[in-house]
N, C-alpha and C. Protein backbone atom coordinates (compact mmCIF):
# COMPACT_ATOMS: atom_id res chain seq x y z
N MET A 1 5.08 42.20 -55.65
CA MET A 1 4.59 42.53 -54.35
C MET A 1 3.61 41.48 -53.81
N GLN A 2 2.73 41.02 -54.66
CA GLN A 2 1.81 39.99 -54.25
C GLN A 2 2.56 38.69 -53.94
N ASN A 3 3.63 38.44 -54.66
CA ASN A 3 4.44 37.26 -54.41
C ASN A 3 5.03 37.28 -53.01
N ASN A 4 5.48 38.45 -52.56
CA ASN A 4 6.04 38.59 -51.20
C ASN A 4 4.99 38.28 -50.14
N ARG A 5 3.75 38.76 -50.35
CA ARG A 5 2.68 38.49 -49.37
C ARG A 5 2.38 37.00 -49.29
N GLN A 6 2.31 36.35 -50.42
CA GLN A 6 2.04 34.91 -50.42
C GLN A 6 3.16 34.15 -49.72
N ASN A 7 4.40 34.55 -49.93
CA ASN A 7 5.52 33.89 -49.27
C ASN A 7 5.46 34.06 -47.77
N ARG A 8 5.09 35.27 -47.34
CA ARG A 8 4.99 35.52 -45.90
C ARG A 8 3.88 34.68 -45.27
N ARG A 9 2.75 34.59 -45.95
CA ARG A 9 1.64 33.77 -45.43
C ARG A 9 2.07 32.31 -45.33
N HIS A 10 2.73 31.85 -46.35
CA HIS A 10 3.19 30.46 -46.35
C HIS A 10 4.20 30.23 -45.22
N ASP A 11 5.12 31.18 -45.03
CA ASP A 11 6.09 31.06 -43.95
C ASP A 11 5.41 31.06 -42.59
N ARG A 12 4.40 31.89 -42.41
CA ARG A 12 3.70 31.94 -41.13
C ARG A 12 3.00 30.62 -40.83
N ARG A 13 2.38 30.02 -41.81
CA ARG A 13 1.71 28.74 -41.60
C ARG A 13 2.73 27.68 -41.16
N GLY A 14 3.85 27.61 -41.79
CA GLY A 14 4.88 26.65 -41.42
C GLY A 14 5.41 26.91 -40.03
N LEU A 15 5.65 28.15 -39.72
CA LEU A 15 6.13 28.52 -38.40
C LEU A 15 5.09 28.19 -37.33
N THR A 16 3.82 28.43 -37.62
CA THR A 16 2.75 28.13 -36.67
C THR A 16 2.69 26.63 -36.40
N MET A 17 2.82 25.82 -37.41
CA MET A 17 2.80 24.36 -37.24
C MET A 17 3.98 23.91 -36.37
N VAL A 18 5.15 24.47 -36.60
CA VAL A 18 6.33 24.14 -35.78
C VAL A 18 6.09 24.56 -34.34
N GLU A 19 5.52 25.74 -34.15
CA GLU A 19 5.23 26.20 -32.79
C GLU A 19 4.26 25.26 -32.09
N ILE A 20 3.24 24.82 -32.82
CA ILE A 20 2.27 23.89 -32.23
C ILE A 20 2.95 22.58 -31.85
N MET A 21 3.81 22.09 -32.70
CA MET A 21 4.52 20.85 -32.41
C MET A 21 5.41 21.01 -31.17
N ILE A 22 6.08 22.13 -31.06
CA ILE A 22 6.95 22.38 -29.90
C ILE A 22 6.10 22.42 -28.63
N VAL A 23 4.97 23.12 -28.69
CA VAL A 23 4.09 23.21 -27.52
C VAL A 23 3.58 21.81 -27.14
N LEU A 24 3.19 21.02 -28.13
CA LEU A 24 2.72 19.66 -27.85
C LEU A 24 3.81 18.81 -27.21
N VAL A 25 5.01 18.91 -27.70
CA VAL A 25 6.12 18.15 -27.11
C VAL A 25 6.35 18.58 -25.66
N ILE A 26 6.30 19.87 -25.42
CA ILE A 26 6.49 20.38 -24.04
C ILE A 26 5.36 19.88 -23.14
N LEU A 27 4.11 19.95 -23.63
CA LEU A 27 2.98 19.49 -22.82
C LEU A 27 3.07 17.99 -22.50
N VAL A 28 3.46 17.20 -23.48
CA VAL A 28 3.61 15.77 -23.25
C VAL A 28 4.71 15.50 -22.23
N ALA A 29 5.81 16.23 -22.33
CA ALA A 29 6.92 16.04 -21.39
C ALA A 29 6.48 16.43 -19.97
N VAL A 30 5.82 17.57 -19.83
CA VAL A 30 5.36 18.01 -18.50
C VAL A 30 4.32 17.04 -17.96
N GLY A 31 3.41 16.58 -18.82
CA GLY A 31 2.41 15.61 -18.40
C GLY A 31 3.04 14.31 -17.95
N GLY A 32 4.07 13.86 -18.65
CA GLY A 32 4.76 12.63 -18.26
C GLY A 32 5.42 12.76 -16.90
N VAL A 33 6.05 13.90 -16.66
CA VAL A 33 6.68 14.14 -15.36
C VAL A 33 5.62 14.18 -14.26
N ALA A 34 4.49 14.83 -14.54
CA ALA A 34 3.42 14.93 -13.54
C ALA A 34 2.86 13.54 -13.22
N VAL A 35 2.65 12.72 -14.24
CA VAL A 35 2.11 11.37 -14.01
C VAL A 35 3.10 10.54 -13.21
N MET A 36 4.37 10.60 -13.54
CA MET A 36 5.37 9.82 -12.81
C MET A 36 5.46 10.28 -11.35
N THR A 37 5.35 11.57 -11.11
CA THR A 37 5.37 12.09 -9.74
C THR A 37 4.15 11.60 -8.98
N PHE A 38 2.99 11.64 -9.63
CA PHE A 38 1.76 11.18 -8.98
C PHE A 38 1.84 9.69 -8.64
N VAL A 39 2.32 8.89 -9.57
CA VAL A 39 2.43 7.45 -9.33
C VAL A 39 3.36 7.18 -8.16
N GLY A 40 4.50 7.87 -8.10
CA GLY A 40 5.43 7.71 -6.98
C GLY A 40 4.81 8.12 -5.66
N GLN A 41 4.09 9.24 -5.66
CA GLN A 41 3.43 9.72 -4.45
C GLN A 41 2.36 8.73 -4.00
N ARG A 42 1.61 8.21 -4.95
CA ARG A 42 0.55 7.26 -4.64
C ARG A 42 1.13 5.99 -4.02
N GLN A 43 2.21 5.50 -4.58
CA GLN A 43 2.84 4.29 -4.05
C GLN A 43 3.32 4.52 -2.61
N THR A 44 3.95 5.66 -2.37
CA THR A 44 4.42 6.00 -1.02
C THR A 44 3.25 6.08 -0.05
N ALA A 45 2.15 6.69 -0.49
CA ALA A 45 0.96 6.81 0.37
C ALA A 45 0.39 5.42 0.69
N MET A 46 0.37 4.55 -0.28
CA MET A 46 -0.16 3.20 -0.04
C MET A 46 0.74 2.42 0.91
N GLU A 47 2.05 2.59 0.79
CA GLU A 47 2.97 1.91 1.72
C GLU A 47 2.77 2.43 3.14
N ARG A 48 2.59 3.74 3.27
CA ARG A 48 2.35 4.31 4.61
C ARG A 48 1.02 3.83 5.18
N THR A 49 0.01 3.70 4.31
CA THR A 49 -1.28 3.19 4.75
C THR A 49 -1.14 1.75 5.24
N ALA A 50 -0.38 0.95 4.50
CA ALA A 50 -0.16 -0.44 4.92
C ALA A 50 0.51 -0.48 6.28
N LYS A 51 1.51 0.35 6.51
CA LYS A 51 2.20 0.37 7.80
C LYS A 51 1.25 0.81 8.92
N ALA A 52 0.40 1.81 8.64
CA ALA A 52 -0.58 2.25 9.64
C ALA A 52 -1.57 1.13 9.95
N ASN A 53 -2.01 0.41 8.92
CA ASN A 53 -2.92 -0.72 9.13
C ASN A 53 -2.26 -1.80 9.97
N ILE A 54 -1.00 -2.07 9.69
CA ILE A 54 -0.27 -3.07 10.47
C ILE A 54 -0.17 -2.65 11.93
N ASN A 55 0.05 -1.37 12.17
CA ASN A 55 0.09 -0.86 13.55
C ASN A 55 -1.26 -1.07 14.24
N THR A 56 -2.35 -0.85 13.51
CA THR A 56 -3.69 -1.08 14.07
C THR A 56 -3.89 -2.56 14.39
N LEU A 57 -3.44 -3.42 13.48
CA LEU A 57 -3.55 -4.87 13.74
C LEU A 57 -2.72 -5.27 14.95
N GLU A 58 -1.54 -4.67 15.11
CA GLU A 58 -0.71 -4.96 16.29
C GLU A 58 -1.43 -4.57 17.57
N THR A 59 -2.10 -3.44 17.57
CA THR A 59 -2.85 -3.01 18.75
C THR A 59 -3.97 -4.01 19.06
N ALA A 60 -4.67 -4.46 18.02
CA ALA A 60 -5.73 -5.44 18.22
C ALA A 60 -5.16 -6.76 18.76
N ILE A 61 -3.99 -7.15 18.27
CA ILE A 61 -3.37 -8.39 18.76
C ILE A 61 -2.96 -8.24 20.23
N ARG A 62 -2.45 -7.06 20.59
CA ARG A 62 -2.09 -6.84 22.00
C ARG A 62 -3.31 -6.96 22.91
N LEU A 63 -4.45 -6.41 22.47
CA LEU A 63 -5.68 -6.52 23.25
C LEU A 63 -6.14 -7.98 23.34
N PHE A 64 -6.06 -8.70 22.24
CA PHE A 64 -6.37 -10.14 22.22
C PHE A 64 -5.48 -10.86 23.22
N GLU A 65 -4.21 -10.51 23.20
CA GLU A 65 -3.23 -11.15 24.08
C GLU A 65 -3.54 -10.85 25.55
N VAL A 66 -3.96 -9.65 25.86
CA VAL A 66 -4.31 -9.30 27.24
C VAL A 66 -5.50 -10.14 27.70
N ASP A 67 -6.51 -10.28 26.85
CA ASP A 67 -7.72 -11.01 27.21
C ASP A 67 -7.53 -12.53 27.20
N ILE A 68 -6.81 -13.03 26.21
CA ILE A 68 -6.71 -14.49 26.01
C ILE A 68 -5.45 -15.07 26.63
N GLY A 69 -4.42 -14.24 26.81
CA GLY A 69 -3.19 -14.71 27.43
C GLY A 69 -2.10 -15.08 26.43
N ARG A 70 -2.40 -14.92 25.14
CA ARG A 70 -1.43 -15.22 24.09
C ARG A 70 -1.90 -14.55 22.80
N PRO A 71 -0.99 -14.34 21.85
CA PRO A 71 -1.44 -13.82 20.55
C PRO A 71 -2.12 -14.94 19.76
N PRO A 72 -2.88 -14.60 18.73
CA PRO A 72 -3.46 -15.66 17.90
C PRO A 72 -2.36 -16.54 17.30
N THR A 73 -2.65 -17.81 17.13
CA THR A 73 -1.67 -18.70 16.49
C THR A 73 -1.70 -18.45 14.98
N THR A 74 -0.70 -19.00 14.29
CA THR A 74 -0.67 -18.89 12.83
C THR A 74 -1.95 -19.49 12.24
N GLU A 75 -2.38 -20.62 12.78
CA GLU A 75 -3.57 -21.28 12.27
C GLU A 75 -4.83 -20.43 12.48
N GLU A 76 -4.93 -19.79 13.64
CA GLU A 76 -6.09 -18.91 13.89
C GLU A 76 -6.01 -17.67 13.00
N GLY A 77 -4.80 -17.19 12.81
CA GLY A 77 -4.58 -16.04 11.94
C GLY A 77 -5.23 -14.76 12.43
N LEU A 78 -5.22 -13.78 11.56
CA LEU A 78 -5.80 -12.48 11.89
C LEU A 78 -7.32 -12.54 11.97
N ASP A 79 -7.92 -13.58 11.41
CA ASP A 79 -9.37 -13.77 11.54
C ASP A 79 -9.78 -13.86 13.01
N ALA A 80 -8.87 -14.28 13.88
CA ALA A 80 -9.17 -14.40 15.30
C ALA A 80 -9.49 -13.03 15.92
N LEU A 81 -9.15 -11.96 15.22
CA LEU A 81 -9.46 -10.62 15.72
C LEU A 81 -10.90 -10.22 15.39
N VAL A 82 -11.51 -10.91 14.42
CA VAL A 82 -12.86 -10.59 13.97
C VAL A 82 -13.87 -11.65 14.43
N THR A 83 -13.47 -12.91 14.35
CA THR A 83 -14.34 -14.05 14.68
C THR A 83 -13.70 -14.87 15.79
N ARG A 84 -14.48 -15.20 16.82
CA ARG A 84 -13.95 -15.97 17.95
C ARG A 84 -13.46 -17.34 17.48
N PRO A 85 -12.18 -17.65 17.73
CA PRO A 85 -11.67 -18.97 17.35
C PRO A 85 -12.29 -20.05 18.23
N SER A 86 -12.52 -21.20 17.64
CA SER A 86 -13.10 -22.32 18.39
C SER A 86 -12.05 -22.99 19.28
N THR A 87 -10.79 -22.63 19.10
CA THR A 87 -9.69 -23.28 19.83
C THR A 87 -9.38 -22.62 21.18
N LEU A 88 -10.10 -21.59 21.55
CA LEU A 88 -9.79 -20.86 22.79
C LEU A 88 -10.16 -21.68 24.02
N SER A 89 -9.25 -21.68 25.01
CA SER A 89 -9.53 -22.39 26.26
C SER A 89 -10.49 -21.57 27.13
N ASN A 90 -10.53 -20.27 26.95
CA ASN A 90 -11.44 -19.40 27.70
C ASN A 90 -12.21 -18.50 26.71
N PRO A 91 -13.17 -19.06 25.97
CA PRO A 91 -13.86 -18.32 24.91
C PRO A 91 -14.62 -17.09 25.39
N ASP A 92 -15.04 -17.08 26.65
CA ASP A 92 -15.79 -15.92 27.15
C ASP A 92 -14.91 -14.68 27.30
N ALA A 93 -13.61 -14.87 27.33
CA ALA A 93 -12.70 -13.72 27.45
C ALA A 93 -12.57 -12.96 26.12
N TRP A 94 -12.90 -13.62 25.03
CA TRP A 94 -12.79 -13.00 23.70
C TRP A 94 -13.91 -11.99 23.53
N ILE A 95 -13.57 -10.74 23.12
CA ILE A 95 -14.59 -9.70 23.00
C ILE A 95 -14.73 -9.14 21.58
N GLY A 96 -13.88 -9.56 20.67
CA GLY A 96 -13.89 -8.99 19.31
C GLY A 96 -12.95 -7.80 19.27
N TYR A 97 -12.07 -7.76 18.31
CA TYR A 97 -11.00 -6.76 18.32
C TYR A 97 -10.97 -5.89 17.06
N LEU A 98 -11.66 -6.35 16.01
CA LEU A 98 -11.86 -5.55 14.80
C LEU A 98 -13.33 -5.67 14.41
N ASP A 99 -13.87 -4.61 13.83
CA ASP A 99 -15.29 -4.62 13.46
C ASP A 99 -15.60 -5.53 12.27
N ASP A 100 -14.70 -5.56 11.30
CA ASP A 100 -14.96 -6.39 10.12
C ASP A 100 -13.66 -6.81 9.45
N ARG A 101 -13.77 -7.62 8.45
CA ARG A 101 -12.60 -8.18 7.76
C ARG A 101 -11.88 -7.18 6.85
N ARG A 102 -12.48 -6.03 6.59
CA ARG A 102 -11.81 -5.06 5.71
C ARG A 102 -10.45 -4.64 6.26
N GLY A 103 -10.29 -4.65 7.56
CA GLY A 103 -9.01 -4.30 8.17
C GLY A 103 -7.93 -5.36 7.97
N LEU A 104 -8.32 -6.50 7.43
CA LEU A 104 -7.38 -7.59 7.22
C LEU A 104 -6.80 -7.59 5.80
N THR A 105 -7.15 -6.58 5.02
CA THR A 105 -6.72 -6.49 3.62
C THR A 105 -5.84 -5.26 3.43
N ASP A 106 -4.72 -5.43 2.74
CA ASP A 106 -3.79 -4.32 2.51
C ASP A 106 -4.33 -3.38 1.41
N PRO A 107 -3.69 -2.23 1.20
CA PRO A 107 -4.18 -1.26 0.22
C PRO A 107 -4.23 -1.79 -1.22
N TRP A 108 -3.54 -2.88 -1.50
CA TRP A 108 -3.53 -3.47 -2.85
C TRP A 108 -4.56 -4.57 -3.00
N GLY A 109 -5.35 -4.81 -1.94
CA GLY A 109 -6.42 -5.80 -2.01
C GLY A 109 -6.01 -7.21 -1.61
N ASN A 110 -4.81 -7.36 -1.08
CA ASN A 110 -4.33 -8.68 -0.65
C ASN A 110 -4.46 -8.81 0.86
N PRO A 111 -4.70 -10.04 1.35
CA PRO A 111 -4.78 -10.20 2.81
C PRO A 111 -3.40 -9.99 3.46
N TYR A 112 -3.41 -9.35 4.63
CA TYR A 112 -2.17 -9.26 5.40
C TYR A 112 -1.78 -10.67 5.82
N ARG A 113 -0.51 -10.90 5.89
CA ARG A 113 -0.01 -12.21 6.31
C ARG A 113 0.37 -12.14 7.79
N TYR A 114 0.24 -13.28 8.45
CA TYR A 114 0.45 -13.32 9.90
C TYR A 114 1.08 -14.65 10.27
N GLU A 115 1.96 -14.57 11.26
CA GLU A 115 2.61 -15.79 11.74
C GLU A 115 2.94 -15.64 13.22
N SER A 116 2.59 -16.67 14.00
CA SER A 116 2.94 -16.72 15.41
C SER A 116 2.96 -18.19 15.86
N PRO A 117 4.09 -18.70 16.28
CA PRO A 117 5.39 -18.04 16.39
C PRO A 117 6.00 -17.80 15.01
N VAL A 118 6.94 -16.86 14.97
CA VAL A 118 7.55 -16.46 13.70
C VAL A 118 8.63 -17.47 13.32
N ARG A 119 8.49 -18.01 12.12
CA ARG A 119 9.48 -18.97 11.62
C ARG A 119 10.00 -18.60 10.24
N SER A 120 9.15 -18.02 9.40
CA SER A 120 9.53 -17.82 8.00
C SER A 120 10.19 -16.47 7.71
N ILE A 121 10.20 -15.55 8.67
CA ILE A 121 10.80 -14.22 8.47
C ILE A 121 12.03 -14.12 9.38
N PRO A 122 13.23 -14.31 8.83
CA PRO A 122 14.45 -14.28 9.67
C PRO A 122 14.60 -12.97 10.45
N GLU A 123 14.24 -11.85 9.85
CA GLU A 123 14.41 -10.55 10.54
C GLU A 123 13.48 -10.39 11.73
N ALA A 124 12.43 -11.21 11.81
CA ALA A 124 11.43 -11.03 12.86
C ALA A 124 11.37 -12.22 13.82
N GLN A 125 12.33 -13.12 13.75
CA GLN A 125 12.24 -14.33 14.56
C GLN A 125 12.36 -14.09 16.07
N ASP A 126 12.79 -12.90 16.46
CA ASP A 126 12.87 -12.59 17.88
C ASP A 126 11.53 -12.07 18.42
N ARG A 127 10.53 -11.97 17.56
CA ARG A 127 9.21 -11.46 17.97
C ARG A 127 8.23 -12.61 18.19
N ARG A 128 7.18 -12.35 18.97
CA ARG A 128 6.16 -13.37 19.23
C ARG A 128 5.27 -13.59 18.01
N TYR A 129 5.12 -12.54 17.19
CA TYR A 129 4.30 -12.64 15.98
C TYR A 129 4.80 -11.64 14.95
N ALA A 130 4.39 -11.84 13.72
CA ALA A 130 4.75 -10.93 12.63
C ALA A 130 3.53 -10.75 11.73
N ILE A 131 3.33 -9.52 11.30
CA ILE A 131 2.27 -9.18 10.35
C ILE A 131 2.97 -8.50 9.18
N TRP A 132 2.59 -8.86 7.97
CA TRP A 132 3.23 -8.20 6.83
C TRP A 132 2.35 -8.21 5.59
N SER A 133 2.71 -7.31 4.69
CA SER A 133 2.11 -7.22 3.36
C SER A 133 3.23 -7.41 2.37
N VAL A 134 2.91 -8.00 1.23
CA VAL A 134 3.93 -8.18 0.20
C VAL A 134 3.89 -7.05 -0.81
N GLY A 135 3.13 -6.01 -0.56
CA GLY A 135 3.12 -4.84 -1.42
C GLY A 135 2.46 -5.08 -2.76
N ALA A 136 2.55 -4.09 -3.61
CA ALA A 136 1.90 -4.13 -4.93
C ALA A 136 2.53 -5.18 -5.83
N ASP A 137 3.82 -5.38 -5.71
CA ASP A 137 4.53 -6.29 -6.62
C ASP A 137 4.62 -7.72 -6.11
N GLY A 138 4.09 -7.98 -4.93
CA GLY A 138 4.13 -9.33 -4.37
C GLY A 138 5.47 -9.69 -3.76
N GLN A 139 6.41 -8.74 -3.69
CA GLN A 139 7.75 -9.02 -3.17
C GLN A 139 8.27 -7.97 -2.20
N SER A 140 7.74 -6.76 -2.24
CA SER A 140 8.23 -5.67 -1.39
C SER A 140 7.57 -5.78 -0.02
N ILE A 141 8.23 -6.40 0.90
CA ILE A 141 7.63 -6.67 2.21
C ILE A 141 7.58 -5.40 3.06
N ILE A 142 6.39 -5.17 3.63
CA ILE A 142 6.17 -4.12 4.62
C ILE A 142 5.71 -4.87 5.86
N GLY A 143 6.54 -4.86 6.92
CA GLY A 143 6.24 -5.71 8.06
C GLY A 143 6.19 -5.00 9.39
N SER A 144 5.58 -5.66 10.36
CA SER A 144 5.42 -5.11 11.70
C SER A 144 6.75 -4.92 12.41
N TRP A 145 7.78 -5.61 12.01
CA TRP A 145 9.09 -5.49 12.63
C TRP A 145 9.92 -4.37 12.03
N MET A 146 9.41 -3.72 11.00
CA MET A 146 10.16 -2.67 10.30
C MET A 146 9.82 -1.30 10.88
N ALA A 147 10.80 -0.40 10.83
CA ALA A 147 10.57 0.97 11.26
C ALA A 147 9.73 1.69 10.21
N VAL A 148 8.96 2.68 10.66
CA VAL A 148 8.17 3.48 9.73
C VAL A 148 9.10 4.30 8.86
N ARG A 149 8.85 4.30 7.56
CA ARG A 149 9.70 5.07 6.62
C ARG A 149 9.22 6.46 6.47
């Protein structure tokens, strides 16, 4: 009789360890799925933020263009929205279009790229200017000529 009790206790300990292992495997699997979902959501949010920032930069460029008569040149770059370029023929018309340089950086910490006239982006060559980010990987272009996703 005592032998049966010891066997049952031993069986319960083994079963409990298996149960714990199963629960741990399930928790790791659920945690992995949750992390992957979060990473995907975060990437999508950052891409949308980049597109919204590009739209803001486009608005600032349009205002610059109204005041100065043209968009900033490639050489002047997006800095022309924050600091008055020395190349302006009518410098008094410049009023400042962004408060600071933080608006010139994409969500990944890289500067937005700008070109006017557009030469290096075949999809945007029909535009007067192009603004883009190369994304987190340095290759996934998010540009002013693209539709919002």
